[in-house]
Amino acid sequence: MSQASELVDRQIAAFNQRDLDAFVACYSADARIAQPDSSMLASGHPEIRTVYGELFRQSPELNAEIRARIEVGSFVIDEELLTGFVMVGMPPQLHAAAAYRVADGLIQSVQLFG
């Protein structure tokens, strides 16, 4: 397993445990997370902490299951099944994809699809 995949796996484990500090630690200080319409969900540690902190607090059963993964260069692309979502405007279960760009041992950006 590559270092990039190991990092994404650590981020998924922190997500599933709703461990905000461990989750944020997987990202560069200026990381960007884009929504399916390419708008920014969060940019930088403070926004990532705010958005995901709220999600983690509201979603005690939150879980991401990786269904498939491919790696291309610095990208890790996961097909994910997300369950236990409790967020206004979102269904409780999502079938999604996430394309992570990893450099210097941290996630630099994520493009979400779904």
PDB file of N, CA and C in Angstrom:
ATOM      1  N   MET A   1       0.850  -1.176   0.000  1.00  0.00           N
ATOM      2  CA  MET A   1       0.000   0.000   0.000  1.00  0.00           C
ATOM      3  C   MET A   1       0.898   1.244   0.000  1.00  0.00           C
ATOM      4  N   SER A   2       0.537   2.223  -0.790  1.00  0.00           N
ATOM      5  CA  SER A   2       1.336   3.438  -0.894  1.00  0.00           C
ATOM      6  C   SER A   2       1.128   4.340   0.319  1.00  0.00           C
ATOM      7  N   GLN A   3       2.023   5.296   0.490  1.00  0.00           N
ATOM      8  CA  GLN A   3       1.882   6.273   1.575  1.00  0.00           C
ATOM      9  C   GLN A   3       0.621   7.103   1.391  1.00  0.00           C
ATOM     10  N   ALA A   4       0.276   7.414   0.138  1.00  0.00           N
ATOM     11  CA  ALA A   4      -0.937   8.199  -0.120  1.00  0.00           C
ATOM     12  C   ALA A   4      -2.175   7.422   0.325  1.00  0.00           C
ATOM     13  N   SER A   5      -2.243   6.134  -0.018  1.00  0.00           N
ATOM     14  CA  SER A   5      -3.383   5.312   0.401  1.00  0.00           C
ATOM     15  C   SER A   5      -3.436   5.170   1.911  1.00  0.00           C
ATOM     16  N   GLU A   6      -2.277   5.005   2.538  1.00  0.00           N
ATOM     17  CA  GLU A   6      -2.242   4.900   4.003  1.00  0.00           C
ATOM     18  C   GLU A   6      -2.777   6.184   4.648  1.00  0.00           C
ATOM     19  N   LEU A   7      -2.411   7.339   4.097  1.00  0.00           N
ATOM     20  CA  LEU A   7      -2.895   8.612   4.627  1.00  0.00           C
ATOM     21  C   LEU A   7      -4.410   8.725   4.469  1.00  0.00           C
ATOM     22  N   VAL A   8      -4.927   8.380   3.293  1.00  0.00           N
ATOM     23  CA  VAL A   8      -6.371   8.444   3.073  1.00  0.00           C
ATOM     24  C   VAL A   8      -7.081   7.467   4.009  1.00  0.00           C
ATOM     25  N   ASP A   9      -6.503   6.282   4.217  1.00  0.00           N
ATOM     26  CA  ASP A   9      -7.097   5.327   5.160  1.00  0.00           C
ATOM     27  C   ASP A   9      -7.139   5.900   6.579  1.00  0.00           C
ATOM     28  N   ARG A  10      -6.080   6.606   6.999  1.00  0.00           N
ATOM     29  CA  ARG A  10      -6.078   7.245   8.327  1.00  0.00           C
ATOM     30  C   ARG A  10      -7.179   8.296   8.414  1.00  0.00           C
ATOM     31  N   GLN A  11      -7.358   9.051   7.346  1.00  0.00           N
ATOM     32  CA  GLN A  11      -8.401  10.074   7.310  1.00  0.00           C
ATOM     33  C   GLN A  11      -9.780   9.429   7.386  1.00  0.00           C
ATOM     34  N   ILE A  12      -9.994   8.326   6.678  1.00  0.00           N
ATOM     35  CA  ILE A  12     -11.280   7.612   6.724  1.00  0.00           C
ATOM     36  C   ILE A  12     -11.520   7.058   8.125  1.00  0.00           C
ATOM     37  N   ALA A  13     -10.494   6.498   8.751  1.00  0.00           N
ATOM     38  CA  ALA A  13     -10.638   5.968  10.113  1.00  0.00           C
ATOM     39  C   ALA A  13     -11.014   7.084  11.078  1.00  0.00           C
ATOM     40  N   ALA A  14     -10.374   8.241  10.960  1.00  0.00           N
ATOM     41  CA  ALA A  14     -10.713   9.379  11.827  1.00  0.00           C
ATOM     42  C   ALA A  14     -12.142   9.843  11.566  1.00  0.00           C
ATOM     43  N   PHE A  15     -12.567   9.853  10.308  1.00  0.00           N
ATOM     44  CA  PHE A  15     -13.937  10.210   9.934  1.00  0.00           C
ATOM     45  C   PHE A  15     -14.911   9.259  10.625  1.00  0.00           C
ATOM     46  N   ASN A  16     -14.662   7.958  10.512  1.00  0.00           N
ATOM     47  CA  ASN A  16     -15.560   6.958  11.089  1.00  0.00           C
ATOM     48  C   ASN A  16     -15.596   7.013  12.615  1.00  0.00           C
ATOM     49  N   GLN A  17     -14.494   7.429  13.216  1.00  0.00           N
ATOM     50  CA  GLN A  17     -14.446   7.562  14.677  1.00  0.00           C
ATOM     51  C   GLN A  17     -14.901   8.950  15.128  1.00  0.00           C
ATOM     52  N   ARG A  18     -15.167   9.808  14.142  1.00  0.00           N
ATOM     53  CA  ARG A  18     -15.543  11.188  14.412  1.00  0.00           C
ATOM     54  C   ARG A  18     -14.500  11.878  15.302  1.00  0.00           C
ATOM     55  N   ASP A  19     -13.229  11.596  14.989  1.00  0.00           N
ATOM     56  CA  ASP A  19     -12.098  12.172  15.712  1.00  0.00           C
ATOM     57  C   ASP A  19     -11.617  13.392  14.928  1.00  0.00           C
ATOM     58  N   LEU A  20     -12.131  14.551  15.295  1.00  0.00           N
ATOM     59  CA  LEU A  20     -11.886  15.768  14.532  1.00  0.00           C
ATOM     60  C   LEU A  20     -10.406  16.121  14.462  1.00  0.00           C
ATOM     61  N   ASP A  21      -9.679  16.010  15.570  1.00  0.00           N
ATOM     62  CA  ASP A  21      -8.259  16.360  15.565  1.00  0.00           C
ATOM     63  C   ASP A  21      -7.470  15.457  14.624  1.00  0.00           C
ATOM     64  N   ALA A  22      -7.705  14.153  14.683  1.00  0.00           N
ATOM     65  CA  ALA A  22      -7.003  13.213  13.801  1.00  0.00           C
ATOM     66  C   ALA A  22      -7.404  13.437  12.345  1.00  0.00           C
ATOM     67  N   PHE A  23      -8.671  13.761  12.111  1.00  0.00           N
ATOM     68  CA  PHE A  23      -9.163  14.025  10.760  1.00  0.00           C
ATOM     69  C   PHE A  23      -8.453  15.238  10.165  1.00  0.00           C
ATOM     70  N   VAL A  24      -8.474  16.349  10.873  1.00  0.00           N
ATOM     71  CA  VAL A  24      -7.868  17.591  10.383  1.00  0.00           C
ATOM     72  C   VAL A  24      -6.359  17.419  10.194  1.00  0.00           C
ATOM     73  N   ALA A  25      -5.709  16.630  11.035  1.00  0.00           N
ATOM     74  CA  ALA A  25      -4.263  16.415  10.946  1.00  0.00           C
ATOM     75  C   ALA A  25      -3.843  15.741   9.643  1.00  0.00           C
ATOM     76  N   CYS A  26      -4.762  15.129   8.935  1.00  0.00           N
ATOM     77  CA  CYS A  26      -4.458  14.484   7.655  1.00  0.00           C
ATOM     78  C   CYS A  26      -4.369  15.484   6.500  1.00  0.00           C
ATOM     79  N   TYR A  27      -4.791  16.710   6.742  1.00  0.00           N
ATOM     80  CA  TYR A  27      -4.875  17.737   5.701  1.00  0.00           C
ATOM     81  C   TYR A  27      -3.782  18.791   5.849  1.00  0.00           C
ATOM     82  N   SER A  28      -3.321  19.338   4.713  1.00  0.00           N
ATOM     83  CA  SER A  28      -2.402  20.472   4.754  1.00  0.00           C
ATOM     84  C   SER A  28      -3.160  21.682   5.308  1.00  0.00           C
ATOM     85  N   ALA A  29      -2.437  22.653   5.815  1.00  0.00           N
ATOM     86  CA  ALA A  29      -3.050  23.829   6.430  1.00  0.00           C
ATOM     87  C   ALA A  29      -3.936  24.606   5.454  1.00  0.00           C
ATOM     88  N   ASP A  30      -3.635  24.518   4.161  1.00  0.00           N
ATOM     89  CA  ASP A  30      -4.420  25.254   3.161  1.00  0.00           C
ATOM     90  C   ASP A  30      -5.214  24.318   2.244  1.00  0.00           C
ATOM     91  N   ALA A  31      -5.506  23.119   2.718  1.00  0.00           N
ATOM     92  CA  ALA A  31      -6.256  22.142   1.915  1.00  0.00           C
ATOM     93  C   ALA A  31      -7.617  22.690   1.525  1.00  0.00           C
ATOM     94  N   ARG A  32      -8.096  22.208   0.381  1.00  0.00           N
ATOM     95  CA  ARG A  32      -9.400  22.633  -0.132  1.00  0.00           C
ATOM     96  C   ARG A  32     -10.255  21.395  -0.380  1.00  0.00           C
ATOM     97  N   ILE A  33     -11.511  21.458   0.057  1.00  0.00           N
ATOM     98  CA  ILE A  33     -12.467  20.374  -0.167  1.00  0.00           C
ATOM     99  C   ILE A  33     -13.610  20.944  -0.994  1.00  0.00           C
ATOM    100  N   ALA A  34     -13.762  20.409  -2.218  1.00  0.00           N
ATOM    101  CA  ALA A  34     -14.766  20.918  -3.151  1.00  0.00           C
ATOM    102  C   ALA A  34     -15.963  19.980  -3.223  1.00  0.00           C
ATOM    103  N   GLN A  35     -17.140  20.570  -3.326  1.00  0.00           N
ATOM    104  CA  GLN A  35     -18.390  19.828  -3.457  1.00  0.00           C
ATOM    105  C   GLN A  35     -18.581  19.377  -4.906  1.00  0.00           C
ATOM    106  N   PRO A  36     -19.588  18.525  -5.163  1.00  0.00           N
ATOM    107  CA  PRO A  36     -19.804  18.042  -6.532  1.00  0.00           C
ATOM    108  C   PRO A  36     -19.986  19.152  -7.570  1.00  0.00           C
ATOM    109  N   ASP A  37     -20.525  20.307  -7.176  1.00  0.00           N
ATOM    110  CA  ASP A  37     -20.704  21.410  -8.129  1.00  0.00           C
ATOM    111  C   ASP A  37     -19.448  22.288  -8.228  1.00  0.00           C
ATOM    112  N   SER A  38     -18.347  21.825  -7.624  1.00  0.00           N
ATOM    113  CA  SER A  38     -17.035  22.489  -7.595  1.00  0.00           C
ATOM    114  C   SER A  38     -16.972  23.689  -6.655  1.00  0.00           C
ATOM    115  N   SER A  39     -18.058  24.021  -5.959  1.00  0.00           N
ATOM    116  CA  SER A  39     -17.983  25.067  -4.946  1.00  0.00           C
ATOM    117  C   SER A  39     -17.205  24.532  -3.745  1.00  0.00           C
ATOM    118  N   MET A  40     -16.641  25.430  -2.969  1.00  0.00           N
ATOM    119  CA  MET A  40     -15.842  25.031  -1.819  1.00  0.00           C
ATOM    120  C   MET A  40     -16.722  24.646  -0.635  1.00  0.00           C
ATOM    121  N   LEU A  41     -16.495  23.450  -0.130  1.00  0.00           N
ATOM    122  CA  LEU A  41     -17.131  23.022   1.119  1.00  0.00           C
ATOM    123  C   LEU A  41     -16.328  23.584   2.289  1.00  0.00           C
ATOM    124  N   ALA A  42     -15.000  23.507   2.168  1.00  0.00           N
ATOM    125  CA  ALA A  42     -14.114  24.013   3.217  1.00  0.00           C
ATOM    126  C   ALA A  42     -12.735  24.265   2.621  1.00  0.00           C
ATOM    127  N   SER A  43     -12.071  25.275   3.141  1.00  0.00           N
ATOM    128  CA  SER A  43     -10.725  25.611   2.708  1.00  0.00           C
ATOM    129  C   SER A  43      -9.905  25.973   3.944  1.00  0.00           C
ATOM    130  N   GLY A  44      -8.867  25.200   4.198  1.00  0.00           N
ATOM    131  CA  GLY A  44      -8.011  25.447   5.348  1.00  0.00           C
ATOM    132  C   GLY A  44      -8.511  24.771   6.613  1.00  0.00           C
ATOM    133  N   HIS A  45      -7.606  24.583   7.550  1.00  0.00           N
ATOM    134  CA  HIS A  45      -7.929  23.880   8.790  1.00  0.00           C
ATOM    135  C   HIS A  45      -9.125  24.465   9.549  1.00  0.00           C
ATOM    136  N   PRO A  46      -9.218  25.790   9.712  1.00  0.00           N
ATOM    137  CA  PRO A  46     -10.362  26.305  10.481  1.00  0.00           C
ATOM    138  C   PRO A  46     -11.715  25.935   9.863  1.00  0.00           C
ATOM    139  N   GLU A  47     -11.843  26.061   8.544  1.00  0.00           N
ATOM    140  CA  GLU A  47     -13.115  25.719   7.894  1.00  0.00           C
ATOM    141  C   GLU A  47     -13.367  24.218   7.908  1.00  0.00           C
ATOM    142  N   ILE A  48     -12.327  23.423   7.693  1.00  0.00           N
ATOM    143  CA  ILE A  48     -12.488  21.961   7.753  1.00  0.00           C
ATOM    144  C   ILE A  48     -12.965  21.575   9.148  1.00  0.00           C
ATOM    145  N   ARG A  49     -12.351  22.165  10.162  1.00  0.00           N
ATOM    146  CA  ARG A  49     -12.727  21.883  11.553  1.00  0.00           C
ATOM    147  C   ARG A  49     -14.184  22.275  11.815  1.00  0.00           C
ATOM    148  N   THR A  50     -14.618  23.416  11.306  1.00  0.00           N
ATOM    149  CA  THR A  50     -15.994  23.876  11.513  1.00  0.00           C
ATOM    150  C   THR A  50     -16.995  22.960  10.820  1.00  0.00           C
ATOM    151  N   VAL A  51     -16.790  22.704   9.533  1.00  0.00           N
ATOM    152  CA  VAL A  51     -17.743  21.903   8.746  1.00  0.00           C
ATOM    153  C   VAL A  51     -17.822  20.480   9.275  1.00  0.00           C
ATOM    154  N   TYR A  52     -16.673  19.832   9.440  1.00  0.00           N
ATOM    155  CA  TYR A  52     -16.686  18.433   9.855  1.00  0.00           C
ATOM    156  C   TYR A  52     -16.983  18.285  11.344  1.00  0.00           C
ATOM    157  N   GLY A  53     -16.618  19.267  12.146  1.00  0.00           N
ATOM    158  CA  GLY A  53     -16.977  19.226  13.566  1.00  0.00           C
ATOM    159  C   GLY A  53     -18.482  19.188  13.744  1.00  0.00           C
ATOM    160  N   GLU A  54     -19.186  20.016  12.985  1.00  0.00           N
ATOM    161  CA  GLU A  54     -20.650  20.035  13.038  1.00  0.00           C
ATOM    162  C   GLU A  54     -21.225  18.703  12.545  1.00  0.00           C
ATOM    163  N   LEU A  55     -20.701  18.198  11.427  1.00  0.00           N
ATOM    164  CA  LEU A  55     -21.155  16.905  10.905  1.00  0.00           C
ATOM    165  C   LEU A  55     -20.939  15.806  11.941  1.00  0.00           C
ATOM    166  N   PHE A  56     -19.776  15.756  12.549  1.00  0.00           N
ATOM    167  CA  PHE A  56     -19.469  14.715  13.536  1.00  0.00           C
ATOM    168  C   PHE A  56     -20.392  14.826  14.752  1.00  0.00           C
ATOM    169  N   ARG A  57     -20.668  16.038  15.201  1.00  0.00           N
ATOM    170  CA  ARG A  57     -21.555  16.222  16.361  1.00  0.00           C
ATOM    171  C   ARG A  57     -22.983  15.774  16.057  1.00  0.00           C
ATOM    172  N   GLN A  58     -23.454  16.046  14.858  1.00  0.00           N
ATOM    173  CA  GLN A  58     -24.832  15.737  14.492  1.00  0.00           C
ATOM    174  C   GLN A  58     -25.036  14.289  14.046  1.00  0.00           C
ATOM    175  N   SER A  59     -23.968  13.572  13.755  1.00  0.00           N
ATOM    176  CA  SER A  59     -24.078  12.261  13.106  1.00  0.00           C
ATOM    177  C   SER A  59     -23.356  11.170  13.893  1.00  0.00           C
ATOM    178  N   PRO A  60     -23.924  10.722  15.017  1.00  0.00           N
ATOM    179  CA  PRO A  60     -23.231   9.740  15.855  1.00  0.00           C
ATOM    180  C   PRO A  60     -23.048   8.368  15.196  1.00  0.00           C
ATOM    181  N   GLU A  61     -23.794   8.082  14.151  1.00  0.00           N
ATOM    182  CA  GLU A  61     -23.673   6.796  13.458  1.00  0.00           C
ATOM    183  C   GLU A  61     -22.942   6.935  12.121  1.00  0.00           C
ATOM    184  N   LEU A  62     -22.273   8.038  11.894  1.00  0.00           N
ATOM    185  CA  LEU A  62     -21.593   8.320  10.637  1.00  0.00           C
ATOM    186  C   LEU A  62     -20.566   7.245  10.315  1.00  0.00           C
ATOM    187  N   ASN A  63     -20.568   6.783   9.056  1.00  0.00           N
ATOM    188  CA  ASN A  63     -19.619   5.753   8.637  1.00  0.00           C
ATOM    189  C   ASN A  63     -19.361   5.855   7.138  1.00  0.00           C
ATOM    190  N   ALA A  64     -18.107   5.730   6.768  1.00  0.00           N
ATOM    191  CA  ALA A  64     -17.715   5.681   5.365  1.00  0.00           C
ATOM    192  C   ALA A  64     -17.116   4.307   5.087  1.00  0.00           C
ATOM    193  N   GLU A  65     -17.651   3.652   4.087  1.00  0.00           N
ATOM    194  CA  GLU A  65     -17.133   2.348   3.657  1.00  0.00           C
ATOM    195  C   GLU A  65     -16.553   2.517   2.263  1.00  0.00           C
ATOM    196  N   ILE A  66     -15.288   2.141   2.100  1.00  0.00           N
ATOM    197  CA  ILE A  66     -14.636   2.220   0.799  1.00  0.00           C
ATOM    198  C   ILE A  66     -15.034   0.990  -0.009  1.00  0.00           C
ATOM    199  N   ARG A  67     -15.665   1.233  -1.150  1.00  0.00           N
ATOM    200  CA  ARG A  67     -16.122   0.150  -2.017  1.00  0.00           C
ATOM    201  C   ARG A  67     -15.083  -0.209  -3.076  1.00  0.00           C
ATOM    202  N   ALA A  68     -14.354   0.790  -3.550  1.00  0.00           N
ATOM    203  CA  ALA A  68     -13.324   0.570  -4.573  1.00  0.00           C
ATOM    204  C   ALA A  68     -12.330   1.717  -4.492  1.00  0.00           C
ATOM    205  N   ARG A  69     -11.104   1.455  -4.926  1.00  0.00           N
ATOM    206  CA  ARG A  69     -10.060   2.481  -4.892  1.00  0.00           C
ATOM    207  C   ARG A  69      -9.156   2.314  -6.099  1.00  0.00           C
ATOM    208  N   ILE A  70      -8.759   3.456  -6.666  1.00  0.00           N
ATOM    209  CA  ILE A  70      -7.694   3.464  -7.662  1.00  0.00           C
ATOM    210  C   ILE A  70      -6.710   4.560  -7.283  1.00  0.00           C
ATOM    211  N   GLU A  71      -5.470   4.372  -7.682  1.00  0.00           N
ATOM    212  CA  GLU A  71      -4.433   5.368  -7.460  1.00  0.00           C
ATOM    213  C   GLU A  71      -3.805   5.712  -8.788  1.00  0.00           C
ATOM    214  N   VAL A  72      -3.651   7.004  -9.023  1.00  0.00           N
ATOM    215  CA  VAL A  72      -2.989   7.491 -10.219  1.00  0.00           C
ATOM    216  C   VAL A  72      -2.069   8.618  -9.783  1.00  0.00           C
ATOM    217  N   GLY A  73      -0.784   8.371  -9.811  1.00  0.00           N
ATOM    218  CA  GLY A  73       0.166   9.391  -9.374  1.00  0.00           C
ATOM    219  C   GLY A  73      -0.108   9.824  -7.956  1.00  0.00           C
ATOM    220  N   SER A  74      -0.335  11.125  -7.777  1.00  0.00           N
ATOM    221  CA  SER A  74      -0.570  11.669  -6.433  1.00  0.00           C
ATOM    222  C   SER A  74      -2.042  11.641  -6.042  1.00  0.00           C
ATOM    223  N   PHE A  75      -2.885  10.978  -6.849  1.00  0.00           N
ATOM    224  CA  PHE A  75      -4.318  10.925  -6.573  1.00  0.00           C
ATOM    225  C   PHE A  75      -4.747   9.564  -6.057  1.00  0.00           C
ATOM    226  N   VAL A  76      -5.621   9.591  -5.053  1.00  0.00           N
ATOM    227  CA  VAL A  76      -6.307   8.401  -4.539  1.00  0.00           C
ATOM    228  C   VAL A  76      -7.788   8.673  -4.761  1.00  0.00           C
ATOM    229  N   ILE A  77      -8.445   7.800  -5.510  1.00  0.00           N
ATOM    230  CA  ILE A  77      -9.853   8.002  -5.840  1.00  0.00           C
ATOM    231  C   ILE A  77     -10.649   6.849  -5.259  1.00  0.00           C
ATOM    232  N   ASP A  78     -11.552   7.188  -4.351  1.00  0.00           N
ATOM    233  CA  ASP A  78     -12.355   6.185  -3.642  1.00  0.00           C
ATOM    234  C   ASP A  78     -13.812   6.263  -4.051  1.00  0.00           C
ATOM    235  N   GLU A  79     -14.408   5.090  -4.235  1.00  0.00           N
ATOM    236  CA  GLU A  79     -15.862   4.979  -4.289  1.00  0.00           C
ATOM    237  C   GLU A  79     -16.288   4.675  -2.865  1.00  0.00           C
ATOM    238  N   GLU A  80     -17.214   5.469  -2.334  1.00  0.00           N
ATOM    239  CA  GLU A  80     -17.574   5.366  -0.926  1.00  0.00           C
ATOM    240  C   GLU A  80     -19.083   5.220  -0.746  1.00  0.00           C
ATOM    241  N   LEU A  81     -19.447   4.474   0.274  1.00  0.00           N
ATOM    242  CA  LEU A  81     -20.830   4.434   0.734  1.00  0.00           C
ATOM    243  C   LEU A  81     -20.827   5.084   2.112  1.00  0.00           C
ATOM    244  N   LEU A  82     -21.505   6.216   2.218  1.00  0.00           N
ATOM    245  CA  LEU A  82     -21.564   6.973   3.460  1.00  0.00           C
ATOM    246  C   LEU A  82     -22.936   6.781   4.081  1.00  0.00           C
ATOM    247  N   THR A  83     -22.958   6.364   5.330  1.00  0.00           N
ATOM    248  CA  THR A  83     -24.217   6.153   6.038  1.00  0.00           C
ATOM    249  C   THR A  83     -24.190   6.939   7.346  1.00  0.00           C
ATOM    250  N   GLY A  84     -25.390   7.155   7.896  1.00  0.00           N
ATOM    251  CA  GLY A  84     -25.497   7.830   9.180  1.00  0.00           C
ATOM    252  C   GLY A  84     -25.402   9.334   9.107  1.00  0.00           C
ATOM    253  N   PHE A  85     -25.530   9.909   7.910  1.00  0.00           N
ATOM    254  CA  PHE A  85     -25.485  11.360   7.750  1.00  0.00           C
ATOM    255  C   PHE A  85     -26.675  12.008   8.441  1.00  0.00           C
ATOM    256  N   VAL A  86     -26.413  13.023   9.235  1.00  0.00           N
ATOM    257  CA  VAL A  86     -27.465  13.870   9.781  1.00  0.00           C
ATOM    258  C   VAL A  86     -27.012  15.302   9.501  1.00  0.00           C
ATOM    259  N   MET A  87     -27.488  15.825   8.376  1.00  0.00           N
ATOM    260  CA  MET A  87     -27.131  17.186   7.973  1.00  0.00           C
ATOM    261  C   MET A  87     -28.263  17.730   7.118  1.00  0.00           C
ATOM    262  N   VAL A  88     -28.670  18.944   7.398  1.00  0.00           N
ATOM    263  CA  VAL A  88     -29.764  19.573   6.668  1.00  0.00           C
ATOM    264  C   VAL A  88     -29.475  19.540   5.164  1.00  0.00           C
ATOM    265  N   GLY A  89     -30.472  19.095   4.413  1.00  0.00           N
ATOM    266  CA  GLY A  89     -30.355  19.053   2.964  1.00  0.00           C
ATOM    267  C   GLY A  89     -29.643  17.838   2.414  1.00  0.00           C
ATOM    268  N   MET A  90     -29.221  16.933   3.282  1.00  0.00           N
ATOM    269  CA  MET A  90     -28.482  15.748   2.834  1.00  0.00           C
ATOM    270  C   MET A  90     -29.275  14.495   3.187  1.00  0.00           C
ATOM    271  N   PRO A  91     -29.245  13.492   2.293  1.00  0.00           N
ATOM    272  CA  PRO A  91     -29.893  12.225   2.637  1.00  0.00           C
ATOM    273  C   PRO A  91     -29.056  11.489   3.688  1.00  0.00           C
ATOM    274  N   PRO A  92     -29.648  10.541   4.414  1.00  0.00           N
ATOM    275  CA  PRO A  92     -28.899   9.822   5.452  1.00  0.00           C
ATOM    276  C   PRO A  92     -27.855   8.846   4.891  1.00  0.00           C
ATOM    277  N   GLN A  93     -27.964   8.538   3.598  1.00  0.00           N
ATOM    278  CA  GLN A  93     -27.011   7.623   2.963  1.00  0.00           C
ATOM    279  C   GLN A  93     -26.608   8.202   1.616  1.00  0.00           C
ATOM    280  N   LEU A  94     -25.318   8.153   1.324  1.00  0.00           N
ATOM    281  CA  LEU A  94     -24.795   8.685   0.063  1.00  0.00           C
ATOM    282  C   LEU A  94     -23.885   7.669  -0.605  1.00  0.00           C
ATOM    283  N   HIS A  95     -24.038   7.511  -1.890  1.00  0.00           N
ATOM    284  CA  HIS A  95     -23.086   6.776  -2.711  1.00  0.00           C
ATOM    285  C   HIS A  95     -22.277   7.852  -3.409  1.00  0.00           C
ATOM    286  N   ALA A  96     -20.984   7.910  -3.155  1.00  0.00           N
ATOM    287  CA  ALA A  96     -20.190   9.032  -3.622  1.00  0.00           C
ATOM    288  C   ALA A  96     -18.806   8.575  -4.054  1.00  0.00           C
ATOM    289  N   ALA A  97     -18.079   9.496  -4.640  1.00  0.00           N
ATOM    290  CA  ALA A  97     -16.676   9.296  -4.951  1.00  0.00           C
ATOM    291  C   ALA A  97     -15.912  10.496  -4.411  1.00  0.00           C
ATOM    292  N   ALA A  98     -14.685  10.249  -4.036  1.00  0.00           N
ATOM    293  CA  ALA A  98     -13.815  11.312  -3.548  1.00  0.00           C
ATOM    294  C   ALA A  98     -12.450  11.148  -4.199  1.00  0.00           C
ATOM    295  N   ALA A  99     -11.960  12.227  -4.792  1.00  0.00           N
ATOM    296  CA  ALA A  99     -10.627  12.225  -5.401  1.00  0.00           C
ATOM    297  C   ALA A  99      -9.711  13.068  -4.510  1.00  0.00           C
ATOM    298  N   TYR A 100      -8.794  12.394  -3.840  1.00  0.00           N
ATOM    299  CA  TYR A 100      -7.849  13.032  -2.918  1.00  0.00           C
ATOM    300  C   TYR A 100      -6.529  13.284  -3.651  1.00  0.00           C
ATOM    301  N   ARG A 101      -5.992  14.486  -3.527  1.00  0.00           N
ATOM    302  CA  ARG A 101      -4.644  14.770  -4.045  1.00  0.00           C
ATOM    303  C   ARG A 101      -3.722  14.870  -2.839  1.00  0.00           C
ATOM    304  N   VAL A 102      -2.698  14.033  -2.844  1.00  0.00           N
ATOM    305  CA  VAL A 102      -1.781  13.932  -1.709  1.00  0.00           C
ATOM    306  C   VAL A 102      -0.399  14.402  -2.143  1.00  0.00           C
ATOM    307  N   ALA A 103       0.227  15.240  -1.323  1.00  0.00           N
ATOM    308  CA  ALA A 103       1.601  15.672  -1.553  1.00  0.00           C
ATOM    309  C   ALA A 103       2.223  16.012  -0.209  1.00  0.00           C
ATOM    310  N   ASP A 104       3.504  15.776  -0.098  1.00  0.00           N
ATOM    311  CA  ASP A 104       4.244  16.102   1.127  1.00  0.00           C
ATOM    312  C   ASP A 104       3.629  15.464   2.361  1.00  0.00           C
ATOM    313  N   GLY A 105       3.042  14.271   2.203  1.00  0.00           N
ATOM    314  CA  GLY A 105       2.518  13.523   3.324  1.00  0.00           C
ATOM    315  C   GLY A 105       1.181  14.000   3.857  1.00  0.00           C
ATOM    316  N   LEU A 106       0.495  14.893   3.134  1.00  0.00           N
ATOM    317  CA  LEU A 106      -0.794  15.413   3.587  1.00  0.00           C
ATOM    318  C   LEU A 106      -1.763  15.509   2.413  1.00  0.00           C
ATOM    319  N   ILE A 107      -3.046  15.499   2.730  1.00  0.00           N
ATOM    320  CA  ILE A 107      -4.061  15.697   1.707  1.00  0.00           C
ATOM    321  C   ILE A 107      -4.091  17.186   1.377  1.00  0.00           C
ATOM    322  N   GLN A 108      -3.872  17.491   0.101  1.00  0.00           N
ATOM    323  CA  GLN A 108      -3.853  18.873  -0.352  1.00  0.00           C
ATOM    324  C   GLN A 108      -5.222  19.352  -0.822  1.00  0.00           C
ATOM    325  N   SER A 109      -5.955  18.426  -1.445  1.00  0.00           N
ATOM    326  CA  SER A 109      -7.293  18.785  -1.934  1.00  0.00           C
ATOM    327  C   SER A 109      -8.135  17.539  -2.074  1.00  0.00           C
ATOM    328  N   VAL A 110      -9.453  17.754  -2.044  1.00  0.00           N
ATOM    329  CA  VAL A 110     -10.423  16.681  -2.253  1.00  0.00           C
ATOM    330  C   VAL A 110     -11.504  17.239  -3.161  1.00  0.00           C
ATOM    331  N   GLN A 111     -11.852  16.472  -4.181  1.00  0.00           N
ATOM    332  CA  GLN A 111     -13.020  16.779  -5.009  1.00  0.00           C
ATOM    333  C   GLN A 111     -14.042  15.691  -4.727  1.00  0.00           C
ATOM    334  N   LEU A 112     -15.195  16.103  -4.222  1.00  0.00           N
ATOM    335  CA  LEU A 112     -16.273  15.170  -3.895  1.00  0.00           C
ATOM    336  C   LEU A 112     -17.222  15.061  -5.079  1.00  0.00           C
ATOM    337  N   PHE A 113     -17.725  13.863  -5.327  1.00  0.00           N
ATOM    338  CA  PHE A 113     -18.688  13.598  -6.397  1.00  0.00           C
ATOM    339  C   PHE A 113     -19.808  12.756  -5.812  1.00  0.00           C
ATOM    340  N   GLY A 114     -21.035  13.066  -6.166  1.00  0.00           N
ATOM    341  CA  GLY A 114     -22.122  12.218  -5.719  1.00  0.00           C
ATOM    342  C   GLY A 114     -23.394  12.969  -5.453  1.00  0.00           C
TER     343      GLY A 114
END
